[in-house]
N, C-alpha and C. Protein backbone atom coordinates (compact mmCIF):
# COMPACT_ATOMS: atom_id res chain seq x y z
N MET A 1 0.82 -1.20 0.00
CA MET A 1 0.00 0.00 0.00
C MET A 1 0.87 1.26 0.00
N GLU A 2 2.03 1.16 0.58
CA GLU A 2 2.90 2.34 0.65
C GLU A 2 3.34 2.81 -0.74
N SER A 3 3.60 1.88 -1.65
CA SER A 3 3.98 2.29 -3.01
C SER A 3 2.81 2.97 -3.72
N ILE A 4 1.60 2.53 -3.43
CA ILE A 4 0.41 3.17 -4.00
C ILE A 4 0.25 4.57 -3.43
N ARG A 5 0.46 4.72 -2.13
CA ARG A 5 0.38 6.05 -1.51
C ARG A 5 1.40 7.01 -2.12
N ARG A 6 2.61 6.53 -2.34
CA ARG A 6 3.64 7.38 -2.96
C ARG A 6 3.24 7.78 -4.38
N LEU A 7 2.72 6.82 -5.12
CA LEU A 7 2.31 7.09 -6.50
C LEU A 7 1.22 8.16 -6.54
N PHE A 8 0.16 7.99 -5.76
CA PHE A 8 -0.91 8.96 -5.75
C PHE A 8 -0.45 10.29 -5.16
N GLY A 9 0.47 10.23 -4.21
CA GLY A 9 1.02 11.45 -3.63
C GLY A 9 1.68 12.34 -4.65
N ARG A 10 2.25 11.76 -5.70
CA ARG A 10 2.85 12.56 -6.77
C ARG A 10 1.81 13.44 -7.46
N PHE A 11 0.55 13.09 -7.33
CA PHE A 11 -0.53 13.86 -7.93
C PHE A 11 -1.30 14.67 -6.89
N GLY A 12 -0.74 14.76 -5.69
CA GLY A 12 -1.36 15.54 -4.63
C GLY A 12 -2.52 14.84 -3.94
N ILE A 13 -2.65 13.55 -4.14
CA ILE A 13 -3.74 12.79 -3.52
C ILE A 13 -3.21 12.04 -2.32
N THR A 14 -3.71 12.42 -1.15
CA THR A 14 -3.22 11.82 0.10
C THR A 14 -4.26 10.96 0.80
N GLU A 15 -5.52 11.14 0.45
CA GLU A 15 -6.59 10.39 1.10
C GLU A 15 -6.90 9.15 0.27
N ILE A 16 -6.30 8.03 0.65
CA ILE A 16 -6.42 6.78 -0.10
C ILE A 16 -6.74 5.66 0.89
N GLY A 17 -7.61 4.76 0.47
CA GLY A 17 -7.93 3.59 1.28
C GLY A 17 -8.26 2.42 0.38
N VAL A 18 -8.36 1.25 0.98
CA VAL A 18 -8.68 0.05 0.23
C VAL A 18 -9.67 -0.80 1.02
N CYS A 19 -10.56 -1.45 0.30
CA CYS A 19 -11.50 -2.37 0.94
C CYS A 19 -11.67 -3.57 0.02
N PRO A 20 -12.16 -4.68 0.54
CA PRO A 20 -12.31 -5.88 -0.29
C PRO A 20 -13.47 -5.73 -1.28
N PHE A 21 -13.24 -6.15 -2.50
CA PHE A 21 -14.28 -6.14 -3.52
C PHE A 21 -15.42 -7.07 -3.13
N SER A 22 -15.09 -8.15 -2.44
CA SER A 22 -16.10 -9.13 -2.04
C SER A 22 -17.21 -8.51 -1.20
N ALA A 23 -16.93 -7.42 -0.50
CA ALA A 23 -17.95 -6.76 0.32
C ALA A 23 -19.03 -6.11 -0.53
N PHE A 24 -18.75 -5.90 -1.83
CA PHE A 24 -19.69 -5.19 -2.70
C PHE A 24 -20.06 -5.95 -3.96
N GLU A 25 -19.43 -7.08 -4.22
CA GLU A 25 -19.64 -7.75 -5.50
C GLU A 25 -21.08 -8.17 -5.74
N ASN A 26 -21.84 -8.41 -4.70
CA ASN A 26 -23.25 -8.78 -4.87
C ASN A 26 -24.18 -7.57 -4.81
N GLU A 27 -23.61 -6.38 -4.68
CA GLU A 27 -24.39 -5.15 -4.58
C GLU A 27 -24.02 -4.14 -5.65
N LEU A 28 -23.40 -4.60 -6.74
CA LEU A 28 -22.99 -3.67 -7.79
C LEU A 28 -24.22 -3.02 -8.42
N LEU A 29 -24.08 -1.75 -8.72
CA LEU A 29 -25.17 -1.00 -9.34
C LEU A 29 -25.22 -1.33 -10.82
N HIS A 30 -26.39 -1.31 -11.38
CA HIS A 30 -26.55 -1.61 -12.80
C HIS A 30 -26.30 -0.34 -13.62
N CYS A 31 -25.21 -0.35 -14.36
CA CYS A 31 -24.87 0.75 -15.25
C CYS A 31 -23.94 0.20 -16.33
N ARG A 32 -23.75 0.98 -17.40
CA ARG A 32 -22.90 0.51 -18.49
C ARG A 32 -21.46 0.26 -18.04
N ALA A 33 -21.00 1.02 -17.06
CA ALA A 33 -19.63 0.89 -16.59
C ALA A 33 -19.37 -0.43 -15.88
N LYS A 34 -20.41 -1.14 -15.54
CA LYS A 34 -20.26 -2.42 -14.83
C LYS A 34 -19.38 -3.39 -15.62
N SER A 35 -19.44 -3.31 -16.93
CA SER A 35 -18.64 -4.21 -17.77
C SER A 35 -17.14 -3.92 -17.68
N ARG A 36 -16.77 -2.76 -17.12
CA ARG A 36 -15.35 -2.40 -16.99
C ARG A 36 -14.71 -2.92 -15.71
N VAL A 37 -15.50 -3.48 -14.81
CA VAL A 37 -14.93 -4.05 -13.58
C VAL A 37 -14.07 -5.24 -13.99
N PRO A 38 -12.79 -5.23 -13.58
CA PRO A 38 -11.91 -6.34 -13.97
C PRO A 38 -12.42 -7.70 -13.49
N GLN A 39 -12.31 -8.68 -14.35
CA GLN A 39 -12.68 -10.05 -13.99
C GLN A 39 -11.85 -10.50 -12.80
N GLY A 40 -12.47 -11.08 -11.81
CA GLY A 40 -11.74 -11.56 -10.64
C GLY A 40 -11.25 -10.44 -9.72
N ALA A 41 -11.93 -9.29 -9.74
CA ALA A 41 -11.52 -8.16 -8.90
C ALA A 41 -11.40 -8.60 -7.44
N LYS A 42 -10.37 -8.10 -6.76
CA LYS A 42 -10.11 -8.46 -5.37
C LYS A 42 -10.30 -7.30 -4.41
N SER A 43 -9.91 -6.11 -4.87
CA SER A 43 -9.90 -4.95 -3.98
C SER A 43 -10.49 -3.73 -4.68
N ILE A 44 -10.95 -2.81 -3.86
CA ILE A 44 -11.40 -1.51 -4.34
C ILE A 44 -10.46 -0.47 -3.72
N LEU A 45 -9.77 0.23 -4.56
CA LEU A 45 -8.88 1.31 -4.13
C LEU A 45 -9.67 2.60 -4.26
N VAL A 46 -9.85 3.30 -3.16
CA VAL A 46 -10.67 4.52 -3.14
C VAL A 46 -9.78 5.69 -2.79
N PHE A 47 -9.97 6.80 -3.51
CA PHE A 47 -9.24 8.01 -3.15
C PHE A 47 -10.17 9.21 -3.22
N LEU A 48 -9.88 10.21 -2.43
CA LEU A 48 -10.67 11.44 -2.39
C LEU A 48 -9.86 12.58 -2.96
N MET A 49 -10.55 13.48 -3.63
CA MET A 49 -9.93 14.69 -4.15
C MET A 49 -10.74 15.88 -3.65
N SER A 50 -10.07 17.00 -3.44
CA SER A 50 -10.75 18.20 -2.98
C SER A 50 -11.24 19.02 -4.16
N TYR A 51 -12.41 19.61 -3.99
CA TYR A 51 -12.90 20.57 -4.99
C TYR A 51 -12.10 21.87 -4.91
N LEU A 52 -11.61 22.19 -3.72
CA LEU A 52 -10.95 23.46 -3.48
C LEU A 52 -9.66 23.56 -4.29
N GLN A 53 -9.56 24.61 -5.07
CA GLN A 53 -8.36 24.86 -5.87
C GLN A 53 -7.69 26.13 -5.35
N PRO A 54 -6.77 26.01 -4.43
CA PRO A 54 -6.18 27.20 -3.81
C PRO A 54 -5.41 28.07 -4.80
N SER A 55 -5.03 27.55 -5.96
CA SER A 55 -4.27 28.34 -6.91
C SER A 55 -5.13 29.39 -7.61
N TYR A 56 -6.46 29.24 -7.60
CA TYR A 56 -7.33 30.22 -8.24
C TYR A 56 -7.57 31.36 -7.28
N THR A 57 -7.10 32.56 -7.64
CA THR A 57 -7.23 33.71 -6.75
C THR A 57 -7.95 34.88 -7.40
N GLY A 58 -8.42 34.70 -8.64
CA GLY A 58 -9.09 35.79 -9.34
C GLY A 58 -10.45 36.11 -8.74
N PRO A 59 -11.04 37.21 -9.22
CA PRO A 59 -12.37 37.57 -8.71
C PRO A 59 -13.41 36.55 -9.16
N ARG A 60 -14.39 36.36 -8.32
CA ARG A 60 -15.45 35.41 -8.67
C ARG A 60 -16.70 35.72 -7.87
N ASN A 61 -17.80 35.29 -8.43
CA ASN A 61 -19.08 35.38 -7.75
C ASN A 61 -19.73 34.00 -7.81
N LEU A 62 -18.90 32.98 -7.53
CA LEU A 62 -19.32 31.59 -7.59
C LEU A 62 -18.81 30.85 -6.37
N ALA A 63 -19.42 29.74 -6.08
CA ALA A 63 -18.95 28.88 -4.99
C ALA A 63 -17.56 28.36 -5.34
N LYS A 64 -16.76 28.06 -4.33
CA LYS A 64 -15.39 27.58 -4.56
C LYS A 64 -15.35 26.34 -5.45
N TYR A 65 -16.29 25.42 -5.24
CA TYR A 65 -16.26 24.20 -6.05
C TYR A 65 -16.60 24.47 -7.51
N ALA A 66 -17.30 25.58 -7.81
CA ALA A 66 -17.71 25.88 -9.18
C ALA A 66 -16.58 26.43 -10.03
N VAL A 67 -15.51 26.95 -9.42
CA VAL A 67 -14.40 27.49 -10.22
C VAL A 67 -13.34 26.44 -10.47
N ALA A 68 -13.46 25.31 -9.83
CA ALA A 68 -12.48 24.23 -10.02
C ALA A 68 -12.74 23.54 -11.36
N PRO A 69 -11.69 22.95 -11.94
CA PRO A 69 -11.91 22.16 -13.16
C PRO A 69 -12.88 21.01 -12.86
N ASP A 70 -13.67 20.63 -13.84
CA ASP A 70 -14.61 19.53 -13.67
C ASP A 70 -13.83 18.28 -13.24
N TYR A 71 -14.21 17.71 -12.11
CA TYR A 71 -13.43 16.60 -11.57
C TYR A 71 -13.50 15.35 -12.44
N HIS A 72 -14.49 15.24 -13.31
CA HIS A 72 -14.51 14.12 -14.24
C HIS A 72 -13.33 14.22 -15.20
N ARG A 73 -13.03 15.43 -15.64
CA ARG A 73 -11.86 15.65 -16.52
C ARG A 73 -10.56 15.43 -15.76
N VAL A 74 -10.53 15.90 -14.51
CA VAL A 74 -9.35 15.69 -13.68
C VAL A 74 -9.13 14.19 -13.49
N ALA A 75 -10.19 13.45 -13.21
CA ALA A 75 -10.08 12.00 -13.01
C ALA A 75 -9.63 11.31 -14.30
N ALA A 76 -10.11 11.78 -15.44
CA ALA A 76 -9.69 11.18 -16.71
C ALA A 76 -8.20 11.40 -16.96
N ARG A 77 -7.72 12.62 -16.68
CA ARG A 77 -6.27 12.89 -16.82
C ARG A 77 -5.48 12.05 -15.83
N LEU A 78 -5.98 11.95 -14.63
CA LEU A 78 -5.32 11.15 -13.60
C LEU A 78 -5.26 9.69 -14.04
N ALA A 79 -6.35 9.19 -14.56
CA ALA A 79 -6.39 7.80 -15.02
C ALA A 79 -5.35 7.56 -16.11
N ALA A 80 -5.20 8.52 -17.01
CA ALA A 80 -4.24 8.37 -18.10
C ALA A 80 -2.81 8.25 -17.60
N GLU A 81 -2.54 8.82 -16.43
CA GLU A 81 -1.19 8.77 -15.87
C GLU A 81 -1.03 7.70 -14.79
N VAL A 82 -2.04 7.58 -13.93
CA VAL A 82 -1.93 6.67 -12.80
C VAL A 82 -2.11 5.21 -13.20
N LEU A 83 -3.09 4.93 -14.06
CA LEU A 83 -3.35 3.54 -14.41
C LEU A 83 -2.12 2.85 -15.01
N PRO A 84 -1.40 3.46 -15.97
CA PRO A 84 -0.20 2.80 -16.46
C PRO A 84 0.87 2.60 -15.38
N ALA A 85 0.96 3.57 -14.45
CA ALA A 85 1.93 3.44 -13.36
C ALA A 85 1.54 2.30 -12.42
N LEU A 86 0.24 2.16 -12.12
CA LEU A 86 -0.21 1.05 -11.29
C LEU A 86 0.04 -0.29 -11.98
N GLU A 87 -0.23 -0.33 -13.28
CA GLU A 87 -0.01 -1.57 -14.03
C GLU A 87 1.47 -1.93 -14.07
N ALA A 88 2.35 -0.92 -14.09
CA ALA A 88 3.79 -1.19 -14.05
C ALA A 88 4.21 -1.70 -12.68
N LEU A 89 3.63 -1.16 -11.61
CA LEU A 89 3.94 -1.61 -10.25
C LEU A 89 3.41 -3.02 -9.99
N TYR A 90 2.24 -3.30 -10.55
CA TYR A 90 1.57 -4.58 -10.32
C TYR A 90 1.18 -5.20 -11.67
N PRO A 91 2.15 -5.72 -12.41
CA PRO A 91 1.87 -6.20 -13.76
C PRO A 91 0.91 -7.39 -13.82
N GLU A 92 0.73 -8.08 -12.73
CA GLU A 92 -0.19 -9.23 -12.71
C GLU A 92 -1.64 -8.81 -12.48
N GLU A 93 -1.86 -7.54 -12.19
CA GLU A 93 -3.20 -7.07 -11.81
C GLU A 93 -3.82 -6.22 -12.91
N GLN A 94 -5.15 -6.04 -12.83
CA GLN A 94 -5.89 -5.18 -13.74
C GLN A 94 -6.53 -4.05 -12.93
N PHE A 95 -6.65 -2.89 -13.56
CA PHE A 95 -7.20 -1.72 -12.88
C PHE A 95 -8.22 -1.03 -13.78
N ALA A 96 -9.20 -0.40 -13.15
CA ALA A 96 -10.17 0.44 -13.85
C ALA A 96 -10.49 1.61 -12.92
N LEU A 97 -10.60 2.80 -13.47
CA LEU A 97 -10.90 3.98 -12.67
C LEU A 97 -12.32 4.42 -12.97
N PHE A 98 -13.07 4.70 -11.90
CA PHE A 98 -14.44 5.17 -12.02
C PHE A 98 -14.58 6.48 -11.25
N ALA A 99 -15.37 7.39 -11.78
CA ALA A 99 -15.72 8.63 -11.09
C ALA A 99 -17.20 8.88 -11.31
N ASP A 100 -18.00 8.63 -10.33
CA ASP A 100 -19.46 8.78 -10.36
C ASP A 100 -20.17 7.72 -11.18
N ASN A 101 -19.79 7.52 -12.41
CA ASN A 101 -20.43 6.50 -13.24
C ASN A 101 -19.80 5.16 -12.90
N SER A 102 -20.17 4.66 -11.75
CA SER A 102 -19.52 3.47 -11.21
C SER A 102 -20.54 2.45 -10.76
N PRO A 103 -20.27 1.19 -10.99
CA PRO A 103 -21.15 0.16 -10.45
C PRO A 103 -20.94 -0.07 -8.95
N ILE A 104 -19.87 0.50 -8.44
CA ILE A 104 -19.53 0.33 -7.02
C ILE A 104 -20.23 1.43 -6.22
N PRO A 105 -20.92 1.10 -5.15
CA PRO A 105 -21.51 2.14 -4.31
C PRO A 105 -20.37 2.93 -3.64
N GLU A 106 -19.99 4.02 -4.28
CA GLU A 106 -18.76 4.73 -3.92
C GLU A 106 -18.72 5.26 -2.49
N VAL A 107 -19.81 5.80 -2.02
CA VAL A 107 -19.82 6.36 -0.66
C VAL A 107 -19.58 5.26 0.36
N ARG A 108 -20.29 4.16 0.21
CA ARG A 108 -20.11 3.04 1.15
C ARG A 108 -18.71 2.45 1.03
N ALA A 109 -18.18 2.37 -0.19
CA ALA A 109 -16.83 1.84 -0.38
C ALA A 109 -15.80 2.76 0.27
N ALA A 110 -15.99 4.06 0.16
CA ALA A 110 -15.06 5.01 0.80
C ALA A 110 -15.08 4.83 2.32
N CYS A 111 -16.26 4.65 2.87
CA CYS A 111 -16.37 4.42 4.32
C CYS A 111 -15.71 3.10 4.71
N ALA A 112 -15.95 2.06 3.92
CA ALA A 112 -15.35 0.75 4.19
C ALA A 112 -13.84 0.79 4.06
N ALA A 113 -13.34 1.70 3.22
CA ALA A 113 -11.89 1.83 3.02
C ALA A 113 -11.25 2.71 4.09
N GLY A 114 -12.06 3.18 5.04
CA GLY A 114 -11.52 3.95 6.16
C GLY A 114 -11.31 5.42 5.88
N LEU A 115 -11.96 5.95 4.85
CA LEU A 115 -11.75 7.35 4.49
C LEU A 115 -12.71 8.31 5.20
N GLY A 116 -13.63 7.79 5.96
CA GLY A 116 -14.54 8.66 6.68
C GLY A 116 -15.74 7.88 7.16
N VAL A 117 -16.74 8.64 7.60
CA VAL A 117 -17.98 8.05 8.08
C VAL A 117 -19.13 8.56 7.23
N LEU A 118 -20.21 7.81 7.22
CA LEU A 118 -21.40 8.20 6.46
C LEU A 118 -22.15 9.26 7.24
N GLY A 119 -22.33 10.41 6.61
CA GLY A 119 -23.04 11.49 7.26
C GLY A 119 -24.54 11.40 7.06
N VAL A 120 -25.28 12.17 7.83
CA VAL A 120 -26.73 12.22 7.70
C VAL A 120 -27.11 12.70 6.29
N ASN A 121 -26.20 13.48 5.65
CA ASN A 121 -26.44 13.98 4.31
C ASN A 121 -26.22 12.92 3.23
N GLY A 122 -25.83 11.71 3.64
CA GLY A 122 -25.61 10.63 2.68
C GLY A 122 -24.24 10.66 2.04
N LEU A 123 -23.38 11.56 2.47
CA LEU A 123 -22.03 11.68 1.91
C LEU A 123 -20.99 11.22 2.91
N VAL A 124 -19.80 10.96 2.40
CA VAL A 124 -18.67 10.63 3.28
C VAL A 124 -18.25 11.90 4.00
N ILE A 125 -18.04 11.79 5.29
CA ILE A 125 -17.45 12.89 6.05
C ILE A 125 -16.03 12.48 6.36
N ASN A 126 -15.09 13.16 5.72
CA ASN A 126 -13.67 12.86 5.82
C ASN A 126 -13.02 13.89 6.75
N PRO A 127 -12.08 13.46 7.60
CA PRO A 127 -11.44 14.40 8.53
C PRO A 127 -10.69 15.53 7.85
N VAL A 128 -10.19 15.32 6.63
CA VAL A 128 -9.43 16.37 5.93
C VAL A 128 -10.35 17.28 5.11
N TYR A 129 -11.26 16.70 4.35
CA TYR A 129 -12.07 17.47 3.41
C TYR A 129 -13.48 17.79 3.88
N GLY A 130 -13.94 17.15 4.92
CA GLY A 130 -15.32 17.33 5.33
C GLY A 130 -16.22 16.44 4.49
N SER A 131 -17.44 16.93 4.17
CA SER A 131 -18.36 16.08 3.40
C SER A 131 -18.20 16.29 1.91
């Protein structure tokens, strides 16, 4: 896990956890992305990213999360760089990255991976990022 933490750390991602795929394999959500789950999946690697972009300092009349780049695009760029690096670290394994369009119940998986607790609002409450 430490090599994975270092890898994601290069992209500024520090909130990472893992949980067993078996805890969710019978509860996968029905969506087109379900076909991308690797055959024989063993683990779910979950990471959190902040909406807050401290580098943006210009004037705005929008919420902080609204001036950030769309996280789906950020996740796609991350996937293009991280997935090959993960495959190089673990050549015997298969990886797939999901962001929202996921068959995995992401909030519950994040909680199971130790990244926070389930809030009354239905979201993960993480000690670093909040909900």
